[in-house]
Amino acid sequence: RLRGTDLASQAIADELLEAAVLLGRDRAVRFMQIALNLANDRARRWGEIVVNGVVDADTIEAVRAALRTRRDHYVVTLQNIQQGARFIERYQARPVNEKFIGWLNRVTLQRERRP
């Protein structure tokens, strides 16, 4: 069971919660795990984790490492990109879903760069 204090990065946790509400817990966790693997600089900053939809000890440690190495903003951006892509898939698969275009307001890409 995931507790709010398990994830060291509030920004990553916020994106996880938002995606879980809109797309389901399993998909949200998979998006986070994929983002962590993409942001790890080819496993130079932290090891690859299994993308299985389960927030396990390796996933929690990867979030800590992302925060420690100041790559958490990349993880958040990658989570948002995946969420936006999923919305587009839904719109294309079922045009009636275009009425939910406002969901795209949930996809915000960071415009500021961290020092």
N, C-alpha and C. Protein backbone atom coordinates (compact mmCIF):
# COMPACT_ATOMS: atom_id res chain seq x y z
N ARG A 1 0.84 -1.18 0.00
CA ARG A 1 0.00 0.00 0.00
C ARG A 1 0.89 1.24 0.00
N LEU A 2 0.62 2.15 -0.90
CA LEU A 2 1.40 3.38 -1.04
C LEU A 2 0.87 4.45 -0.10
N ARG A 3 1.80 5.05 0.65
CA ARG A 3 1.45 6.18 1.51
C ARG A 3 1.98 7.44 0.86
N GLY A 4 1.36 8.56 1.18
CA GLY A 4 1.77 9.83 0.59
C GLY A 4 3.22 10.18 0.87
N THR A 5 3.75 9.71 1.97
CA THR A 5 5.14 10.03 2.32
C THR A 5 6.15 9.10 1.68
N ASP A 6 5.70 8.09 0.96
CA ASP A 6 6.62 7.13 0.34
C ASP A 6 7.40 7.74 -0.82
N LEU A 7 6.81 8.69 -1.52
CA LEU A 7 7.47 9.28 -2.68
C LEU A 7 8.12 10.60 -2.25
N ALA A 8 9.43 10.67 -2.42
CA ALA A 8 10.21 11.82 -1.94
C ALA A 8 9.92 13.10 -2.71
N SER A 9 9.46 12.99 -3.94
CA SER A 9 9.19 14.16 -4.77
C SER A 9 7.70 14.46 -4.79
N GLN A 10 7.33 15.62 -4.26
CA GLN A 10 5.93 16.02 -4.25
C GLN A 10 5.40 16.19 -5.67
N ALA A 11 6.22 16.73 -6.56
CA ALA A 11 5.78 16.95 -7.95
C ALA A 11 5.47 15.63 -8.64
N ILE A 12 6.33 14.62 -8.47
CA ILE A 12 6.09 13.31 -9.07
C ILE A 12 4.85 12.68 -8.45
N ALA A 13 4.70 12.79 -7.14
CA ALA A 13 3.52 12.24 -6.45
C ALA A 13 2.24 12.91 -6.94
N ASP A 14 2.28 14.23 -7.12
CA ASP A 14 1.10 14.95 -7.62
C ASP A 14 0.70 14.45 -9.00
N GLU A 15 1.67 14.27 -9.88
CA GLU A 15 1.37 13.78 -11.23
C GLU A 15 0.84 12.35 -11.19
N LEU A 16 1.39 11.55 -10.31
CA LEU A 16 0.91 10.18 -10.15
C LEU A 16 -0.56 10.17 -9.73
N LEU A 17 -0.90 10.98 -8.75
CA LEU A 17 -2.28 11.04 -8.27
C LEU A 17 -3.22 11.54 -9.37
N GLU A 18 -2.81 12.60 -10.04
CA GLU A 18 -3.66 13.14 -11.11
C GLU A 18 -3.92 12.10 -12.19
N ALA A 19 -2.88 11.42 -12.64
CA ALA A 19 -3.04 10.41 -13.68
C ALA A 19 -3.87 9.23 -13.18
N ALA A 20 -3.70 8.88 -11.91
CA ALA A 20 -4.48 7.76 -11.35
C ALA A 20 -5.97 8.08 -11.35
N VAL A 21 -6.30 9.31 -11.02
CA VAL A 21 -7.71 9.72 -11.00
C VAL A 21 -8.29 9.68 -12.41
N LEU A 22 -7.53 10.16 -13.38
CA LEU A 22 -8.04 10.28 -14.76
C LEU A 22 -7.90 8.99 -15.57
N LEU A 23 -6.86 8.21 -15.30
CA LEU A 23 -6.55 7.07 -16.18
C LEU A 23 -6.45 5.73 -15.47
N GLY A 24 -6.55 5.73 -14.16
CA GLY A 24 -6.44 4.49 -13.40
C GLY A 24 -5.06 4.32 -12.77
N ARG A 25 -5.05 3.68 -11.61
CA ARG A 25 -3.81 3.54 -10.84
C ARG A 25 -2.72 2.79 -11.59
N ASP A 26 -3.05 1.66 -12.18
CA ASP A 26 -2.04 0.84 -12.86
C ASP A 26 -1.34 1.62 -13.98
N ARG A 27 -2.13 2.28 -14.82
CA ARG A 27 -1.57 3.04 -15.93
C ARG A 27 -0.72 4.21 -15.40
N ALA A 28 -1.19 4.87 -14.35
CA ALA A 28 -0.46 6.00 -13.78
C ALA A 28 0.91 5.55 -13.25
N VAL A 29 0.94 4.42 -12.56
CA VAL A 29 2.21 3.91 -12.03
C VAL A 29 3.13 3.50 -13.18
N ARG A 30 2.58 2.87 -14.20
CA ARG A 30 3.40 2.49 -15.36
C ARG A 30 3.99 3.74 -16.04
N PHE A 31 3.19 4.77 -16.19
CA PHE A 31 3.69 6.03 -16.77
C PHE A 31 4.85 6.57 -15.93
N MET A 32 4.70 6.54 -14.61
CA MET A 32 5.77 7.03 -13.73
C MET A 32 7.02 6.17 -13.88
N GLN A 33 6.85 4.85 -13.92
CA GLN A 33 8.00 3.96 -14.06
C GLN A 33 8.70 4.15 -15.41
N ILE A 34 7.95 4.31 -16.46
CA ILE A 34 8.54 4.57 -17.78
C ILE A 34 9.31 5.88 -17.74
N ALA A 35 8.70 6.91 -17.14
CA ALA A 35 9.36 8.21 -17.04
C ALA A 35 10.66 8.11 -16.24
N LEU A 36 10.64 7.36 -15.16
CA LEU A 36 11.86 7.19 -14.36
C LEU A 36 12.95 6.50 -15.17
N ASN A 37 12.58 5.50 -15.95
CA ASN A 37 13.58 4.81 -16.78
C ASN A 37 14.12 5.71 -17.88
N LEU A 38 13.27 6.56 -18.44
CA LEU A 38 13.74 7.46 -19.50
C LEU A 38 14.62 8.59 -18.96
N ALA A 39 14.38 9.00 -17.73
CA ALA A 39 15.12 10.13 -17.14
C ALA A 39 16.43 9.71 -16.47
N ASN A 40 16.72 8.42 -16.44
CA ASN A 40 17.88 7.97 -15.67
C ASN A 40 19.21 8.00 -16.42
N ASP A 41 19.25 8.64 -17.56
CA ASP A 41 20.50 8.81 -18.31
C ASP A 41 21.15 7.47 -18.62
N ARG A 42 20.34 6.60 -19.23
CA ARG A 42 20.78 5.26 -19.61
C ARG A 42 21.36 4.48 -18.43
N ALA A 43 20.65 4.57 -17.30
CA ALA A 43 20.99 3.86 -16.06
C ALA A 43 22.28 4.36 -15.42
N ARG A 44 22.73 5.54 -15.80
CA ARG A 44 23.93 6.09 -15.17
C ARG A 44 23.63 6.75 -13.83
N ARG A 45 22.41 7.22 -13.65
CA ARG A 45 22.07 7.94 -12.41
C ARG A 45 21.38 7.05 -11.40
N TRP A 46 20.60 6.11 -11.88
CA TRP A 46 20.00 5.07 -11.04
C TRP A 46 19.63 3.93 -11.96
N GLY A 47 19.46 2.76 -11.39
CA GLY A 47 19.19 1.57 -12.18
C GLY A 47 17.82 1.57 -12.82
N GLU A 48 17.72 0.81 -13.90
CA GLU A 48 16.42 0.61 -14.55
C GLU A 48 15.50 -0.10 -13.57
N ILE A 49 14.24 0.22 -13.64
CA ILE A 49 13.25 -0.46 -12.81
C ILE A 49 12.28 -1.20 -13.71
N VAL A 50 11.64 -2.19 -13.15
CA VAL A 50 10.65 -2.98 -13.89
C VAL A 50 9.37 -2.14 -14.02
N VAL A 51 8.84 -2.10 -15.23
CA VAL A 51 7.57 -1.40 -15.48
C VAL A 51 6.47 -2.43 -15.31
N ASN A 52 5.89 -2.43 -14.11
CA ASN A 52 4.89 -3.45 -13.78
C ASN A 52 3.63 -2.89 -13.14
N GLY A 53 3.56 -1.57 -12.97
CA GLY A 53 2.38 -0.97 -12.38
C GLY A 53 2.30 -1.10 -10.87
N VAL A 54 3.41 -1.52 -10.25
CA VAL A 54 3.45 -1.69 -8.80
C VAL A 54 4.50 -0.75 -8.22
N VAL A 55 4.10 0.04 -7.24
CA VAL A 55 5.07 0.93 -6.57
C VAL A 55 5.78 0.09 -5.52
N ASP A 56 6.92 -0.47 -5.93
CA ASP A 56 7.70 -1.31 -5.04
C ASP A 56 8.92 -0.53 -4.53
N ALA A 57 9.78 -1.20 -3.78
CA ALA A 57 10.95 -0.54 -3.19
C ALA A 57 11.86 0.05 -4.26
N ASP A 58 12.02 -0.64 -5.39
CA ASP A 58 12.87 -0.13 -6.47
C ASP A 58 12.30 1.15 -7.08
N THR A 59 10.99 1.21 -7.23
CA THR A 59 10.34 2.40 -7.76
C THR A 59 10.50 3.57 -6.79
N ILE A 60 10.29 3.32 -5.52
CA ILE A 60 10.44 4.37 -4.51
C ILE A 60 11.88 4.88 -4.49
N GLU A 61 12.85 3.98 -4.57
CA GLU A 61 14.25 4.40 -4.58
C GLU A 61 14.57 5.19 -5.85
N ALA A 62 13.99 4.83 -6.98
CA ALA A 62 14.22 5.57 -8.22
C ALA A 62 13.68 6.99 -8.10
N VAL A 63 12.53 7.17 -7.45
CA VAL A 63 12.00 8.51 -7.24
C VAL A 63 12.96 9.31 -6.35
N ARG A 64 13.46 8.68 -5.30
CA ARG A 64 14.44 9.37 -4.44
C ARG A 64 15.68 9.78 -5.23
N ALA A 65 16.15 8.87 -6.08
CA ALA A 65 17.34 9.17 -6.89
C ALA A 65 17.07 10.30 -7.88
N ALA A 66 15.89 10.32 -8.45
CA ALA A 66 15.54 11.40 -9.39
C ALA A 66 15.58 12.74 -8.66
N LEU A 67 15.06 12.79 -7.46
CA LEU A 67 15.08 14.03 -6.67
C LEU A 67 16.51 14.39 -6.29
N ARG A 68 17.26 13.40 -5.84
CA ARG A 68 18.64 13.62 -5.41
C ARG A 68 19.53 14.14 -6.54
N THR A 69 19.30 13.64 -7.75
CA THR A 69 20.12 14.03 -8.91
C THR A 69 19.50 15.18 -9.70
N ARG A 70 18.44 15.76 -9.15
CA ARG A 70 17.76 16.91 -9.74
C ARG A 70 17.23 16.61 -11.15
N ARG A 71 16.72 15.41 -11.33
CA ARG A 71 16.11 15.03 -12.60
C ARG A 71 14.61 14.79 -12.45
N ASP A 72 14.07 15.15 -11.29
CA ASP A 72 12.65 14.94 -11.05
C ASP A 72 11.77 15.74 -11.99
N HIS A 73 12.24 16.91 -12.42
CA HIS A 73 11.44 17.72 -13.35
C HIS A 73 11.32 17.03 -14.71
N TYR A 74 12.34 16.26 -15.10
CA TYR A 74 12.24 15.48 -16.34
C TYR A 74 11.18 14.38 -16.18
N VAL A 75 11.16 13.76 -15.02
CA VAL A 75 10.18 12.70 -14.76
C VAL A 75 8.77 13.26 -14.87
N VAL A 76 8.53 14.41 -14.25
CA VAL A 76 7.20 15.03 -14.29
C VAL A 76 6.81 15.36 -15.74
N THR A 77 7.74 15.93 -16.49
CA THR A 77 7.45 16.27 -17.89
C THR A 77 7.10 15.01 -18.68
N LEU A 78 7.87 13.94 -18.48
CA LEU A 78 7.60 12.69 -19.19
C LEU A 78 6.27 12.07 -18.76
N GLN A 79 5.90 12.21 -17.49
CA GLN A 79 4.59 11.74 -17.05
C GLN A 79 3.49 12.50 -17.78
N ASN A 80 3.64 13.80 -17.90
CA ASN A 80 2.65 14.64 -18.58
C ASN A 80 2.54 14.31 -20.06
N ILE A 81 3.67 14.08 -20.70
CA ILE A 81 3.65 13.74 -22.13
C ILE A 81 2.87 12.46 -22.36
N GLN A 82 3.11 11.46 -21.52
CA GLN A 82 2.39 10.19 -21.66
C GLN A 82 0.89 10.36 -21.41
N GLN A 83 0.56 11.18 -20.43
CA GLN A 83 -0.86 11.43 -20.14
C GLN A 83 -1.53 12.10 -21.33
N GLY A 84 -0.87 13.10 -21.91
CA GLY A 84 -1.42 13.77 -23.09
C GLY A 84 -1.58 12.83 -24.26
N ALA A 85 -0.58 11.97 -24.47
CA ALA A 85 -0.66 11.00 -25.57
C ALA A 85 -1.84 10.04 -25.37
N ARG A 86 -2.09 9.66 -24.12
CA ARG A 86 -3.22 8.77 -23.84
C ARG A 86 -4.55 9.46 -24.14
N PHE A 87 -4.65 10.74 -23.81
CA PHE A 87 -5.87 11.48 -24.13
C PHE A 87 -6.08 11.52 -25.64
N ILE A 88 -5.03 11.77 -26.39
CA ILE A 88 -5.14 11.81 -27.86
C ILE A 88 -5.61 10.45 -28.38
N GLU A 89 -5.05 9.37 -27.85
CA GLU A 89 -5.49 8.02 -28.26
C GLU A 89 -6.99 7.85 -28.02
N ARG A 90 -7.45 8.32 -26.87
CA ARG A 90 -8.88 8.21 -26.56
C ARG A 90 -9.73 9.02 -27.53
N TYR A 91 -9.28 10.23 -27.85
CA TYR A 91 -10.03 11.08 -28.78
C TYR A 91 -10.10 10.42 -30.16
N GLN A 92 -8.99 9.85 -30.61
CA GLN A 92 -8.96 9.23 -31.94
C GLN A 92 -9.78 7.95 -31.98
N ALA A 93 -9.76 7.18 -30.91
CA ALA A 93 -10.48 5.91 -30.89
C ALA A 93 -11.99 6.11 -30.86
N ARG A 94 -12.39 7.19 -30.22
CA ARG A 94 -13.82 7.45 -30.06
C ARG A 94 -14.06 8.94 -30.15
N PRO A 95 -14.39 9.45 -31.32
CA PRO A 95 -14.54 10.89 -31.50
C PRO A 95 -15.47 11.56 -30.50
N VAL A 96 -16.43 10.84 -29.95
CA VAL A 96 -17.32 11.44 -28.96
C VAL A 96 -16.53 11.90 -27.73
N ASN A 97 -15.36 11.29 -27.50
CA ASN A 97 -14.53 11.68 -26.36
C ASN A 97 -13.92 13.07 -26.52
N GLU A 98 -14.02 13.63 -27.71
CA GLU A 98 -13.49 14.98 -27.90
C GLU A 98 -14.20 16.00 -27.01
N LYS A 99 -15.38 15.63 -26.52
CA LYS A 99 -16.07 16.54 -25.60
C LYS A 99 -15.27 16.72 -24.30
N PHE A 100 -14.31 15.83 -24.07
CA PHE A 100 -13.47 15.93 -22.88
C PHE A 100 -12.14 16.63 -23.18
N ILE A 101 -12.11 17.46 -24.20
CA ILE A 101 -10.88 18.15 -24.59
C ILE A 101 -10.30 18.96 -23.43
N GLY A 102 -11.14 19.36 -22.50
CA GLY A 102 -10.67 20.09 -21.33
C GLY A 102 -9.68 19.32 -20.48
N TRP A 103 -9.65 17.98 -20.64
CA TRP A 103 -8.67 17.17 -19.92
C TRP A 103 -7.25 17.61 -20.25
N LEU A 104 -7.08 18.15 -21.45
CA LEU A 104 -5.73 18.58 -21.83
C LEU A 104 -5.21 19.70 -20.94
N ASN A 105 -6.12 20.38 -20.25
CA ASN A 105 -5.67 21.39 -19.29
C ASN A 105 -4.87 20.76 -18.15
N ARG A 106 -5.06 19.46 -17.97
CA ARG A 106 -4.31 18.73 -16.93
C ARG A 106 -2.88 18.44 -17.36
N VAL A 107 -2.62 18.54 -18.65
CA VAL A 107 -1.29 18.25 -19.17
C VAL A 107 -0.53 19.57 -19.27
N THR A 108 0.35 19.80 -18.34
CA THR A 108 1.13 21.03 -18.34
C THR A 108 2.60 20.68 -18.40
N LEU A 109 3.25 21.18 -19.40
CA LEU A 109 4.68 20.93 -19.54
C LEU A 109 5.42 22.07 -18.85
N GLN A 110 6.45 21.72 -18.17
CA GLN A 110 7.22 22.73 -17.45
C GLN A 110 7.92 23.64 -18.45
N ARG A 111 7.81 24.92 -18.21
CA ARG A 111 8.43 25.89 -19.10
C ARG A 111 9.72 26.46 -18.52
N GLU A 112 9.90 26.27 -17.24
CA GLU A 112 11.11 26.80 -16.60
C GLU A 112 12.16 25.70 -16.52
N ARG A 113 13.39 26.11 -16.63
CA ARG A 113 14.48 25.17 -16.44
C ARG A 113 15.03 25.35 -15.04
N ARG A 114 15.36 24.26 -14.43
CA ARG A 114 15.97 24.34 -13.11
C ARG A 114 17.43 24.66 -13.26
N PRO A 115 17.98 25.41 -12.31
CA PRO A 115 19.42 25.73 -12.38
C PRO A 115 20.29 24.52 -12.20
